[in-house]
Protein backbone atom coordinates (compact mmCIF):
# COMPACT_ATOMS: atom_id res chain seq x y z
CA UNK A 1 54.56 -3.44 48.20
CA UNK A 2 57.46 -3.10 50.65
CA UNK A 3 59.99 0.13 49.82
CA UNK A 4 62.65 -1.58 51.29
CA UNK A 5 65.26 -3.29 49.09
CA UNK A 6 65.29 -6.50 48.69
CA UNK A 7 67.63 -8.36 51.40
CA UNK A 8 68.12 -5.20 53.45
CA UNK A 9 67.18 -4.62 56.89
CA UNK A 10 63.85 -4.73 58.57
CA UNK A 11 62.81 -1.76 60.71
CA UNK A 12 62.99 -3.89 63.58
CA UNK A 13 66.47 -5.04 63.23
CA UNK A 14 67.42 -1.67 62.78
CA UNK A 15 65.58 -0.66 65.81
CA UNK A 16 66.87 -3.63 67.87
CA UNK A 17 70.45 -3.25 66.78
CA UNK A 18 70.46 0.40 67.54
CA UNK A 19 69.03 -0.19 70.82
CA UNK A 20 71.48 -2.89 71.77
CA UNK A 21 74.23 -0.18 70.65
CA UNK A 22 72.96 2.30 72.82
CA UNK A 23 73.21 -0.19 75.53
CA UNK A 24 76.12 -1.11 74.95
CA UNK A 25 77.79 2.40 74.46
CA UNK A 26 75.43 3.55 78.09
CA UNK A 27 76.71 0.64 80.00
CA UNK A 28 79.62 -0.25 79.43
CA UNK A 29 82.10 2.67 76.87
CA UNK A 30 80.90 5.17 79.27
CA UNK A 31 83.00 4.57 81.84
CA UNK A 32 85.86 4.95 79.34
CA UNK A 33 84.67 8.53 78.55
CA UNK A 34 85.99 11.72 79.99
CA UNK A 35 85.93 12.66 83.94
CA UNK A 36 85.33 16.06 83.47
CA UNK A 37 81.81 15.71 81.51
CA UNK A 38 80.15 18.75 83.28
CA UNK A 39 82.03 21.55 81.51
CA UNK A 40 80.90 24.17 83.66
CA UNK A 41 81.66 22.39 87.01
CA UNK A 42 85.52 21.63 85.28
CA UNK A 43 86.17 25.11 84.39
CA UNK A 44 84.28 26.54 87.83
CA UNK A 45 86.99 24.61 89.61
CA UNK A 46 89.60 26.12 87.22
CA UNK A 47 88.81 29.68 87.51
CA UNK A 48 87.71 29.45 91.45
CA UNK A 49 84.23 30.29 91.70
CA UNK A 50 83.17 26.51 92.35
CA UNK A 51 82.61 27.62 96.09
CA UNK A 52 79.16 29.51 94.97
CA UNK A 53 77.66 25.81 93.77
CA UNK A 54 74.59 24.98 95.46
CA UNK A 55 73.13 21.43 95.83
CA UNK A 56 70.52 20.49 93.07
CA UNK A 57 67.19 19.87 93.79
CA UNK A 58 67.63 16.00 92.78
CA UNK A 59 71.00 15.69 94.50
CA UNK A 60 70.26 12.83 96.10
CA UNK A 61 68.11 11.35 93.75
CA UNK A 62 69.14 7.45 93.16
CA UNK A 63 70.89 8.33 90.00
CA UNK A 64 72.33 11.71 90.49
CA UNK A 65 75.85 12.21 89.51
CA UNK A 66 76.22 10.05 86.68
CA UNK A 67 76.36 7.33 89.24
CA UNK A 68 73.98 4.52 91.08
CA UNK A 69 73.13 5.03 94.79
CA UNK A 70 74.09 2.21 96.92
CA UNK A 71 76.59 1.00 94.26
CA UNK A 72 79.88 1.21 95.40
CA UNK A 73 81.54 0.02 92.40
CA UNK A 74 82.47 2.72 89.66
CA UNK A 75 82.00 1.01 86.49
CA UNK A 76 78.99 -0.78 87.60
CA UNK A 77 77.46 2.04 89.24
CA UNK A 78 77.74 4.45 85.95
CA UNK A 79 76.83 1.83 84.06
CA UNK A 80 73.74 0.63 85.80
CA UNK A 81 72.86 4.43 85.61
CA UNK A 82 73.61 4.68 81.61
CA UNK A 83 71.37 1.96 80.91
CA UNK A 84 68.43 2.89 83.04
CA UNK A 85 68.94 6.64 81.13
CA UNK A 86 68.83 4.75 77.91
CA UNK A 87 65.45 2.86 78.96
CA UNK A 88 64.01 6.22 80.47
CA UNK A 89 64.27 7.80 77.42
CA UNK A 90 63.22 5.09 75.28
CA UNK A 91 60.14 4.98 77.02
CA UNK A 92 59.53 8.37 77.03
CA UNK A 93 60.40 8.94 73.42
CA UNK A 94 58.38 6.09 72.11
CA UNK A 95 55.23 7.18 74.67
CA UNK A 96 55.56 10.55 72.63
CA UNK A 97 55.58 8.79 69.54
CA UNK A 98 52.45 7.04 70.17
CA UNK A 99 50.74 10.17 71.57
CA UNK A 100 51.67 12.36 68.38
CA UNK A 101 50.83 9.12 65.80
CA UNK A 102 47.01 8.57 67.43
CA UNK A 103 45.99 12.17 67.41
CA UNK A 104 43.15 13.22 65.16
CA UNK A 105 43.98 14.20 61.84
CA UNK A 106 43.52 17.68 60.65
CA UNK A 107 40.08 19.06 59.98
CA UNK A 108 39.56 20.42 56.33
CA UNK A 109 39.15 24.22 56.02
CA UNK A 110 36.13 26.13 54.89
CA UNK A 111 38.22 27.50 52.12
CA UNK A 112 36.84 27.49 48.79
CA UNK A 113 38.78 24.80 46.72
CA UNK A 114 39.94 26.15 43.66
CA UNK A 115 39.50 24.36 40.11
CA UNK A 116 42.22 24.19 37.73
CA UNK A 117 39.69 26.33 35.00
CA UNK A 118 39.15 29.21 37.60
CA UNK A 119 42.72 29.78 38.35
């Protein structure tokens, strides 16, 4: 017996729609986001302690700085980085879901059962 209302969207349709919207936001709409996404960097520039900044360990990674290394077009570079970020998070969260879902159920405790007549 199904628990969803008649004519309502299925879980699969919801998740596919959610994924498509996420990819659209990450790949296209993100270009129009604030040019100051890192509040700490912005404040560091305004207050004058930006010179104390040190390179991050992953600063030369393929997607450092919300961009894609080797892609010159800013819009395309940010869009690719956003889409890859969504897909990586989808893979990680799906993997975590499956690992947690397949865990063995908890073993029953050794506590004695209480019957309503004993209480």
